[in-house]
Amino acid sequence: MKKYIILAGLCLAFVSCKKEAVAPVAPEVKYVSFGDSISQDGAISKADMFAKYQTLKEGDTLQVAFTSKINDVCQKKGCWMNLALTDKEAAFVKFKDYGFFMPLNSKGAEVIVHGKAFVSVESIEELKHYAKDAGKSQAAIDSIVAPEVTYSFEANGVLLKQ
């Protein structure tokens, strides 16, 4: 009888030592927040954002959050940035009430922006000012001779991926 009790105990110990399968946990993405506190929840892709811009007319606005990569950032103060929408199109982002600025070295970083999307017509003077802020050559600045329709965005908050 003792043998059966010992054998049953060993079987029980063996079964209880079985490892449980654990699903791999994706590493948590960390962000640095600028401006208002925002969440990554509900942010759409840059392709979806570009499609939404196609439906806007001058004067229309859309509250939205989207993810993208920084193509360019103001090299004087970090007071604006260009975010990729497609390989050729970008959104020009300013910050609500100049309440915050982006790091000057953030070009190429992934971000989530939350705010107001709209289409605007930028004057020649504004375009030349932005080109100068971006450190463009004088020849590039002088080549700006016509107003331009731009995809604009006023961000109230930005999450910069670390």
N, C-alpha and C. Protein backbone atom coordinates (compact mmCIF):
# COMPACT_ATOMS: atom_id res chain seq x y z
N MET A 1 0.82 -1.19 0.00
CA MET A 1 0.00 0.00 0.00
C MET A 1 0.86 1.25 0.00
N LYS A 2 1.98 1.17 0.80
CA LYS A 2 2.88 2.32 0.85
C LYS A 2 3.41 2.64 -0.54
N LYS A 3 3.69 1.57 -1.31
CA LYS A 3 4.25 1.76 -2.65
C LYS A 3 3.27 2.54 -3.53
N TYR A 4 1.99 2.23 -3.42
CA TYR A 4 0.99 2.89 -4.25
C TYR A 4 0.83 4.37 -3.86
N ILE A 5 0.92 4.66 -2.60
CA ILE A 5 0.81 6.04 -2.12
C ILE A 5 2.02 6.84 -2.60
N ILE A 6 3.20 6.25 -2.49
CA ILE A 6 4.43 6.93 -2.95
C ILE A 6 4.38 7.11 -4.46
N LEU A 7 3.94 6.08 -5.18
CA LEU A 7 3.84 6.17 -6.64
C LEU A 7 2.83 7.22 -7.05
N ALA A 8 1.69 7.29 -6.36
CA ALA A 8 0.67 8.29 -6.67
C ALA A 8 1.22 9.70 -6.38
N GLY A 9 1.97 9.85 -5.31
CA GLY A 9 2.57 11.14 -4.97
C GLY A 9 3.58 11.58 -6.01
N LEU A 10 4.40 10.63 -6.49
CA LEU A 10 5.38 10.96 -7.53
C LEU A 10 4.69 11.36 -8.83
N CYS A 11 3.63 10.65 -9.19
CA CYS A 11 2.88 11.00 -10.41
C CYS A 11 2.26 12.39 -10.28
N LEU A 12 1.71 12.67 -9.13
CA LEU A 12 1.12 13.98 -8.89
C LEU A 12 2.17 15.08 -8.97
N ALA A 13 3.32 14.84 -8.40
CA ALA A 13 4.42 15.82 -8.45
C ALA A 13 4.88 16.03 -9.88
N PHE A 14 4.98 14.94 -10.65
CA PHE A 14 5.41 15.05 -12.04
C PHE A 14 4.42 15.87 -12.87
N VAL A 15 3.14 15.61 -12.69
CA VAL A 15 2.10 16.32 -13.44
C VAL A 15 2.06 17.80 -13.05
N SER A 16 2.25 18.10 -11.78
CA SER A 16 2.18 19.49 -11.33
C SER A 16 3.40 20.30 -11.76
N CYS A 17 4.47 19.65 -12.15
CA CYS A 17 5.68 20.36 -12.59
C CYS A 17 5.62 20.73 -14.07
N LYS A 18 4.56 20.33 -14.74
CA LYS A 18 4.43 20.62 -16.17
C LYS A 18 4.41 22.14 -16.38
N LYS A 19 5.23 22.61 -17.32
CA LYS A 19 5.29 24.06 -17.61
C LYS A 19 4.07 24.46 -18.43
N GLU A 20 3.56 25.62 -18.11
CA GLU A 20 2.45 26.15 -18.87
C GLU A 20 2.99 26.95 -20.05
N ALA A 21 2.31 26.87 -21.17
CA ALA A 21 2.72 27.65 -22.34
C ALA A 21 2.36 29.11 -22.09
N VAL A 22 3.32 29.99 -22.28
CA VAL A 22 3.10 31.41 -22.07
C VAL A 22 3.26 32.13 -23.41
N ALA A 23 2.25 32.88 -23.78
CA ALA A 23 2.33 33.63 -25.03
C ALA A 23 3.37 34.73 -24.89
N PRO A 24 4.17 34.95 -25.94
CA PRO A 24 5.16 36.03 -25.86
C PRO A 24 4.48 37.38 -25.71
N VAL A 25 5.08 38.23 -24.91
CA VAL A 25 4.52 39.56 -24.66
C VAL A 25 5.27 40.55 -25.54
N ALA A 26 4.52 41.33 -26.31
CA ALA A 26 5.14 42.35 -27.15
C ALA A 26 5.72 43.44 -26.25
N PRO A 27 6.91 43.90 -26.60
CA PRO A 27 7.48 44.97 -25.76
C PRO A 27 6.62 46.22 -25.84
N GLU A 28 6.50 46.88 -24.71
CA GLU A 28 5.70 48.10 -24.64
C GLU A 28 6.43 49.23 -25.34
N VAL A 29 5.72 49.92 -26.22
CA VAL A 29 6.30 51.06 -26.92
C VAL A 29 6.26 52.26 -25.98
N LYS A 30 7.38 52.94 -25.85
CA LYS A 30 7.44 54.10 -24.95
C LYS A 30 7.46 55.38 -25.78
N TYR A 31 6.77 56.38 -25.26
CA TYR A 31 6.66 57.67 -25.92
C TYR A 31 7.03 58.79 -24.96
N VAL A 32 7.52 59.88 -25.53
CA VAL A 32 7.70 61.13 -24.80
C VAL A 32 6.56 62.03 -25.25
N SER A 33 5.88 62.66 -24.31
CA SER A 33 4.71 63.47 -24.61
C SER A 33 5.07 64.95 -24.68
N PHE A 34 4.50 65.64 -25.67
CA PHE A 34 4.65 67.08 -25.83
C PHE A 34 3.25 67.67 -25.95
N GLY A 35 3.03 68.83 -25.35
CA GLY A 35 1.72 69.48 -25.40
C GLY A 35 0.74 68.79 -24.48
N ASP A 36 -0.53 68.76 -24.90
CA ASP A 36 -1.57 68.13 -24.10
C ASP A 36 -1.31 66.64 -23.97
N SER A 37 -1.78 66.06 -22.90
CA SER A 37 -1.66 64.62 -22.70
C SER A 37 -2.63 63.93 -23.66
N ILE A 38 -2.08 63.08 -24.53
CA ILE A 38 -2.90 62.37 -25.50
C ILE A 38 -2.61 60.88 -25.39
N SER A 39 -3.44 60.09 -26.04
CA SER A 39 -3.30 58.64 -26.04
C SER A 39 -3.07 58.15 -27.46
N GLN A 40 -2.43 57.01 -27.57
CA GLN A 40 -2.23 56.41 -28.89
C GLN A 40 -3.48 55.69 -29.38
N ASP A 41 -4.44 55.50 -28.50
CA ASP A 41 -5.69 54.81 -28.86
C ASP A 41 -6.44 55.58 -29.94
N GLY A 42 -6.88 54.87 -30.95
CA GLY A 42 -7.69 55.47 -32.01
C GLY A 42 -6.91 56.19 -33.09
N ALA A 43 -5.58 56.21 -33.00
CA ALA A 43 -4.78 56.88 -34.03
C ALA A 43 -4.84 56.07 -35.32
N ILE A 44 -5.04 56.77 -36.43
CA ILE A 44 -5.11 56.11 -37.74
C ILE A 44 -3.75 56.16 -38.42
N SER A 45 -3.59 55.42 -39.48
CA SER A 45 -2.33 55.38 -40.22
C SER A 45 -2.17 56.63 -41.08
N LYS A 46 -0.96 56.88 -41.54
CA LYS A 46 -0.72 58.03 -42.42
C LYS A 46 -1.45 57.86 -43.75
N ALA A 47 -1.59 56.64 -44.23
CA ALA A 47 -2.34 56.40 -45.48
C ALA A 47 -3.81 56.75 -45.30
N ASP A 48 -4.38 56.36 -44.16
CA ASP A 48 -5.78 56.71 -43.89
C ASP A 48 -5.94 58.23 -43.74
N MET A 49 -4.94 58.87 -43.14
CA MET A 49 -5.00 60.32 -42.99
C MET A 49 -4.94 61.00 -44.36
N PHE A 50 -4.08 60.52 -45.24
CA PHE A 50 -4.00 61.09 -46.59
C PHE A 50 -5.35 60.97 -47.31
N ALA A 51 -6.01 59.84 -47.15
CA ALA A 51 -7.33 59.66 -47.77
C ALA A 51 -8.33 60.67 -47.21
N LYS A 52 -8.26 60.94 -45.91
CA LYS A 52 -9.16 61.93 -45.31
C LYS A 52 -8.84 63.34 -45.85
N TYR A 53 -7.56 63.67 -46.01
CA TYR A 53 -7.19 64.98 -46.57
C TYR A 53 -7.79 65.16 -47.97
N GLN A 54 -7.88 64.08 -48.74
CA GLN A 54 -8.41 64.17 -50.10
C GLN A 54 -9.87 64.61 -50.12
N THR A 55 -10.57 64.42 -49.02
CA THR A 55 -11.99 64.78 -48.97
C THR A 55 -12.22 66.19 -48.43
N LEU A 56 -11.17 66.83 -47.89
CA LEU A 56 -11.33 68.16 -47.29
C LEU A 56 -11.22 69.27 -48.33
N LYS A 57 -12.00 70.33 -48.11
CA LYS A 57 -11.90 71.55 -48.91
C LYS A 57 -11.37 72.64 -47.98
N GLU A 58 -10.88 73.73 -48.56
CA GLU A 58 -10.41 74.83 -47.72
C GLU A 58 -11.56 75.32 -46.85
N GLY A 59 -11.31 75.44 -45.55
CA GLY A 59 -12.33 75.82 -44.59
C GLY A 59 -12.87 74.64 -43.78
N ASP A 60 -12.72 73.41 -44.29
CA ASP A 60 -13.13 72.22 -43.54
C ASP A 60 -12.08 71.89 -42.48
N THR A 61 -12.51 71.34 -41.37
CA THR A 61 -11.59 70.85 -40.34
C THR A 61 -12.02 69.46 -39.89
N LEU A 62 -11.07 68.72 -39.35
CA LEU A 62 -11.32 67.37 -38.89
C LEU A 62 -10.47 67.10 -37.66
N GLN A 63 -11.11 66.74 -36.53
CA GLN A 63 -10.37 66.36 -35.33
C GLN A 63 -9.95 64.91 -35.48
N VAL A 64 -8.64 64.65 -35.37
CA VAL A 64 -8.13 63.30 -35.63
C VAL A 64 -6.78 63.10 -34.97
N ALA A 65 -6.40 61.86 -34.81
CA ALA A 65 -5.05 61.49 -34.37
C ALA A 65 -4.51 60.52 -35.42
N PHE A 66 -3.23 60.71 -35.80
CA PHE A 66 -2.63 59.79 -36.74
C PHE A 66 -1.16 59.58 -36.46
N THR A 67 -0.64 58.48 -36.98
CA THR A 67 0.77 58.13 -36.80
C THR A 67 1.53 58.41 -38.09
N SER A 68 2.77 58.82 -37.96
CA SER A 68 3.60 59.06 -39.13
C SER A 68 5.06 59.19 -38.70
N LYS A 69 5.90 59.48 -39.69
CA LYS A 69 7.32 59.70 -39.47
C LYS A 69 7.62 61.17 -39.75
N ILE A 70 8.50 61.77 -38.94
CA ILE A 70 8.87 63.17 -39.15
C ILE A 70 9.85 63.27 -40.32
N ASN A 71 9.44 63.99 -41.37
CA ASN A 71 10.31 64.24 -42.52
C ASN A 71 11.27 65.39 -42.26
N ASP A 72 10.78 66.38 -41.52
CA ASP A 72 11.56 67.60 -41.30
C ASP A 72 11.03 68.30 -40.06
N VAL A 73 11.90 69.04 -39.38
CA VAL A 73 11.49 69.80 -38.21
C VAL A 73 12.20 71.15 -38.26
N CYS A 74 11.55 72.20 -37.79
CA CYS A 74 12.14 73.54 -37.76
C CYS A 74 13.47 73.48 -37.01
N GLN A 75 14.53 73.97 -37.64
CA GLN A 75 15.85 73.91 -37.04
C GLN A 75 16.18 75.14 -36.19
N LYS A 76 15.25 76.08 -36.09
CA LYS A 76 15.47 77.24 -35.22
C LYS A 76 14.95 76.98 -33.81
N LYS A 77 13.67 76.50 -33.72
CA LYS A 77 13.06 76.29 -32.41
C LYS A 77 12.31 74.96 -32.28
N GLY A 78 12.10 74.26 -33.38
CA GLY A 78 11.26 73.07 -33.33
C GLY A 78 9.78 73.43 -33.35
N CYS A 79 9.46 74.60 -33.95
CA CYS A 79 8.09 75.12 -33.89
C CYS A 79 7.16 74.58 -34.97
N TRP A 80 7.64 73.75 -35.88
CA TRP A 80 6.81 73.08 -36.86
C TRP A 80 7.51 71.80 -37.30
N MET A 81 6.76 70.92 -37.97
CA MET A 81 7.35 69.72 -38.55
C MET A 81 6.52 69.28 -39.74
N ASN A 82 7.15 68.54 -40.63
CA ASN A 82 6.48 67.91 -41.76
C ASN A 82 6.39 66.42 -41.48
N LEU A 83 5.18 65.87 -41.62
CA LEU A 83 4.97 64.45 -41.41
C LEU A 83 4.61 63.78 -42.73
N ALA A 84 5.23 62.64 -43.00
CA ALA A 84 4.97 61.90 -44.23
C ALA A 84 3.53 61.41 -44.27
N LEU A 85 2.89 61.61 -45.43
CA LEU A 85 1.58 61.03 -45.71
C LEU A 85 1.72 59.93 -46.75
N THR A 86 2.51 60.23 -47.78
CA THR A 86 2.88 59.27 -48.83
C THR A 86 4.36 59.50 -49.10
N ASP A 87 4.88 58.85 -50.14
CA ASP A 87 6.28 59.08 -50.51
C ASP A 87 6.51 60.51 -50.99
N LYS A 88 5.45 61.14 -51.54
CA LYS A 88 5.60 62.49 -52.11
C LYS A 88 4.83 63.57 -51.36
N GLU A 89 3.88 63.19 -50.54
CA GLU A 89 3.03 64.17 -49.86
C GLU A 89 3.31 64.17 -48.36
N ALA A 90 3.17 65.36 -47.76
CA ALA A 90 3.41 65.51 -46.32
C ALA A 90 2.38 66.46 -45.72
N ALA A 91 2.19 66.34 -44.43
CA ALA A 91 1.34 67.26 -43.68
C ALA A 91 2.24 68.24 -42.94
N PHE A 92 1.90 69.53 -43.02
CA PHE A 92 2.65 70.57 -42.32
C PHE A 92 2.00 70.77 -40.96
N VAL A 93 2.75 70.52 -39.89
CA VAL A 93 2.20 70.54 -38.54
C VAL A 93 2.75 71.72 -37.75
N LYS A 94 1.83 72.52 -37.21
CA LYS A 94 2.18 73.57 -36.24
C LYS A 94 1.59 73.14 -34.91
N PHE A 95 1.96 73.84 -33.85
CA PHE A 95 1.52 73.47 -32.51
C PHE A 95 0.60 74.53 -31.94
N LYS A 96 -0.51 74.09 -31.38
CA LYS A 96 -1.56 74.99 -30.90
C LYS A 96 -0.98 76.07 -29.98
N ASP A 97 -1.23 77.31 -30.35
CA ASP A 97 -0.81 78.48 -29.58
C ASP A 97 0.70 78.50 -29.31
N TYR A 98 1.49 77.86 -30.16
CA TYR A 98 2.95 77.74 -29.94
C TYR A 98 3.23 77.31 -28.50
N GLY A 99 2.37 76.42 -27.99
CA GLY A 99 2.44 75.99 -26.60
C GLY A 99 3.55 74.99 -26.31
N PHE A 100 4.13 74.40 -27.36
CA PHE A 100 5.24 73.46 -27.17
C PHE A 100 6.02 73.36 -28.47
N PHE A 101 7.20 72.78 -28.39
CA PHE A 101 8.08 72.62 -29.54
C PHE A 101 8.64 71.20 -29.55
N MET A 102 9.07 70.78 -30.71
CA MET A 102 9.66 69.45 -30.86
C MET A 102 11.18 69.56 -30.78
N PRO A 103 11.85 68.47 -30.36
CA PRO A 103 13.32 68.48 -30.34
C PRO A 103 13.86 68.68 -31.76
N LEU A 104 14.92 69.46 -31.88
CA LEU A 104 15.49 69.76 -33.19
C LEU A 104 16.05 68.52 -33.87
N ASN A 105 16.39 67.51 -33.11
CA ASN A 105 16.97 66.28 -33.67
C ASN A 105 15.93 65.17 -33.87
N SER A 106 14.67 65.50 -33.96
CA SER A 106 13.62 64.48 -34.04
C SER A 106 13.30 64.04 -35.47
N LYS A 107 14.00 64.56 -36.46
CA LYS A 107 13.77 64.14 -37.85
C LYS A 107 13.97 62.62 -37.95
N GLY A 108 13.03 61.97 -38.63
CA GLY A 108 13.09 60.52 -38.81
C GLY A 108 12.37 59.73 -37.73
N ALA A 109 11.96 60.38 -36.66
CA ALA A 109 11.29 59.68 -35.55
C ALA A 109 9.82 59.42 -35.88
N GLU A 110 9.28 58.39 -35.26
CA GLU A 110 7.86 58.07 -35.37
C GLU A 110 7.09 58.88 -34.33
N VAL A 111 5.93 59.42 -34.74
CA VAL A 111 5.11 60.21 -33.82
C VAL A 111 3.64 59.87 -34.00
N ILE A 112 2.88 60.21 -32.98
CA ILE A 112 1.43 60.23 -33.04
C ILE A 112 1.04 61.67 -32.73
N VAL A 113 0.26 62.28 -33.61
CA VAL A 113 -0.20 63.64 -33.39
C VAL A 113 -1.71 63.63 -33.21
N HIS A 114 -2.20 64.53 -32.38
CA HIS A 114 -3.63 64.68 -32.16
C HIS A 114 -3.98 66.15 -32.34
N GLY A 115 -5.02 66.42 -33.10
CA GLY A 115 -5.42 67.80 -33.29
C GLY A 115 -6.36 67.97 -34.46
N LYS A 116 -6.19 69.11 -35.14
CA LYS A 116 -7.13 69.53 -36.18
C LYS A 116 -6.44 69.50 -37.55
N ALA A 117 -7.00 68.72 -38.47
CA ALA A 117 -6.50 68.64 -39.84
C ALA A 117 -7.32 69.56 -40.72
N PHE A 118 -6.64 70.23 -41.65
CA PHE A 118 -7.32 71.12 -42.60
C PHE A 118 -6.43 71.34 -43.81
N VAL A 119 -7.04 71.84 -44.87
CA VAL A 119 -6.31 72.17 -46.09
C VAL A 119 -6.19 73.68 -46.13
N SER A 120 -4.98 74.18 -46.45
CA SER A 120 -4.80 75.63 -46.52
C SER A 120 -3.96 76.01 -47.73
N VAL A 121 -4.06 77.28 -48.09
CA VAL A 121 -3.24 77.82 -49.16
C VAL A 121 -2.18 78.71 -48.52
N GLU A 122 -0.92 78.31 -48.68
CA GLU A 122 0.21 79.06 -48.08
C GLU A 122 0.70 80.10 -49.08
N SER A 123 0.89 81.33 -48.59
CA SER A 123 1.37 82.41 -49.45
C SER A 123 2.85 82.21 -49.78
N ILE A 124 3.30 82.93 -50.79
CA ILE A 124 4.71 82.87 -51.19
C ILE A 124 5.60 83.30 -50.02
N GLU A 125 5.20 84.34 -49.30
CA GLU A 125 5.99 84.84 -48.17
C GLU A 125 6.11 83.79 -47.07
N GLU A 126 5.00 83.12 -46.75
CA GLU A 126 5.04 82.07 -45.73
C GLU A 126 5.93 80.92 -46.16
N LEU A 127 5.79 80.51 -47.42
CA LEU A 127 6.60 79.40 -47.93
C LEU A 127 8.09 79.72 -47.88
N LYS A 128 8.44 80.97 -48.21
CA LYS A 128 9.86 81.39 -48.15
C LYS A 128 10.34 81.41 -46.70
N HIS A 129 9.49 81.86 -45.78
CA HIS A 129 9.85 81.88 -44.36
C HIS A 129 10.12 80.46 -43.86
N TYR A 130 9.24 79.52 -44.20
CA TYR A 130 9.41 78.13 -43.76
C TYR A 130 10.67 77.52 -44.39
N ALA A 131 10.94 77.84 -45.65
CA ALA A 131 12.14 77.32 -46.31
C ALA A 131 13.40 77.84 -45.62
N LYS A 132 13.37 79.10 -45.22
CA LYS A 132 14.52 79.69 -44.52
C LYS A 132 14.70 79.00 -43.16
N ASP A 133 13.59 78.79 -42.42
CA ASP A 133 13.66 78.10 -41.13
C ASP A 133 14.21 76.68 -41.27
N ALA A 134 13.92 76.05 -42.40
CA ALA A 134 14.37 74.67 -42.63
C ALA A 134 15.83 74.61 -43.06
N GLY A 135 16.46 75.80 -43.25
CA GLY A 135 17.86 75.83 -43.64
C GLY A 135 18.08 75.60 -45.12
N LYS A 136 17.07 75.85 -45.93
CA LYS A 136 17.20 75.68 -47.39
C LYS A 136 18.14 76.73 -47.95
N SER A 137 18.70 76.43 -49.12
CA SER A 137 19.63 77.37 -49.76
C SER A 137 18.85 78.58 -50.28
N GLN A 138 19.57 79.68 -50.52
CA GLN A 138 18.94 80.88 -51.05
C GLN A 138 18.32 80.61 -52.42
N ALA A 139 18.99 79.77 -53.22
CA ALA A 139 18.45 79.42 -54.54
C ALA A 139 17.10 78.70 -54.39
N ALA A 140 17.01 77.80 -53.42
CA ALA A 140 15.75 77.08 -53.19
C ALA A 140 14.67 78.04 -52.71
N ILE A 141 15.04 78.99 -51.87
CA ILE A 141 14.08 79.98 -51.37
C ILE A 141 13.59 80.86 -52.52
N ASP A 142 14.53 81.30 -53.37
CA ASP A 142 14.17 82.15 -54.51
C ASP A 142 13.32 81.43 -55.54
N SER A 143 13.37 80.10 -55.57
CA SER A 143 12.60 79.34 -56.55
C SER A 143 11.12 79.26 -56.19
N ILE A 144 10.75 79.72 -55.01
CA ILE A 144 9.34 79.72 -54.60
C ILE A 144 8.67 80.94 -55.22
N VAL A 145 7.78 80.68 -56.17
CA VAL A 145 7.18 81.79 -56.92
C VAL A 145 5.65 81.73 -56.97
N ALA A 146 5.05 80.73 -56.33
CA ALA A 146 3.59 80.61 -56.38
C ALA A 146 3.07 80.07 -55.05
N PRO A 147 1.85 80.47 -54.68
CA PRO A 147 1.24 79.91 -53.47
C PRO A 147 1.07 78.40 -53.64
N GLU A 148 0.90 77.71 -52.53
CA GLU A 148 0.82 76.25 -52.58
C GLU A 148 -0.30 75.76 -51.66
N VAL A 149 -1.07 74.81 -52.16
CA VAL A 149 -2.09 74.16 -51.33
C VAL A 149 -1.35 73.15 -50.45
N THR A 150 -1.57 73.22 -49.16
CA THR A 150 -0.88 72.32 -48.24
C THR A 150 -1.89 71.58 -47.37
N TYR A 151 -1.46 70.38 -46.97
CA TYR A 151 -2.20 69.62 -45.97
C TYR A 151 -1.66 70.10 -44.64
N SER A 152 -2.50 70.76 -43.86
CA SER A 152 -2.06 71.38 -42.61
C SER A 152 -2.65 70.65 -41.42
N PHE A 153 -1.97 70.85 -40.27
CA PHE A 153 -2.41 70.19 -39.05
C PHE A 153 -2.00 71.06 -37.87
N GLU A 154 -2.94 71.32 -36.97
CA GLU A 154 -2.63 72.03 -35.73
C GLU A 154 -2.70 71.02 -34.60
N ALA A 155 -1.53 70.64 -34.09
CA ALA A 155 -1.46 69.62 -33.05
C ALA A 155 -1.62 70.23 -31.67
N ASN A 156 -2.46 69.59 -30.86
CA ASN A 156 -2.54 70.01 -29.45
C ASN A 156 -1.73 69.07 -28.56
N GLY A 157 -1.29 67.95 -29.14
CA GLY A 157 -0.43 67.01 -28.41
C GLY A 157 0.30 66.10 -29.37
N VAL A 158 1.50 65.69 -28.98
CA VAL A 158 2.34 64.81 -29.79
C VAL A 158 2.96 63.76 -28.88
N LEU A 159 2.98 62.52 -29.36
CA LEU A 159 3.72 61.45 -28.71
C LEU A 159 4.89 61.08 -29.61
N LEU A 160 6.11 61.25 -29.10
CA LEU A 160 7.34 60.96 -29.85
C LEU A 160 7.86 59.60 -29.40
N LYS A 161 7.94 58.66 -30.34
CA LYS A 161 8.39 57.30 -30.01
C LYS A 161 9.86 57.33 -29.61
N GLN A 162 10.17 56.66 -28.51
CA GLN A 162 11.57 56.62 -28.03
C GLN A 162 12.31 55.49 -28.71
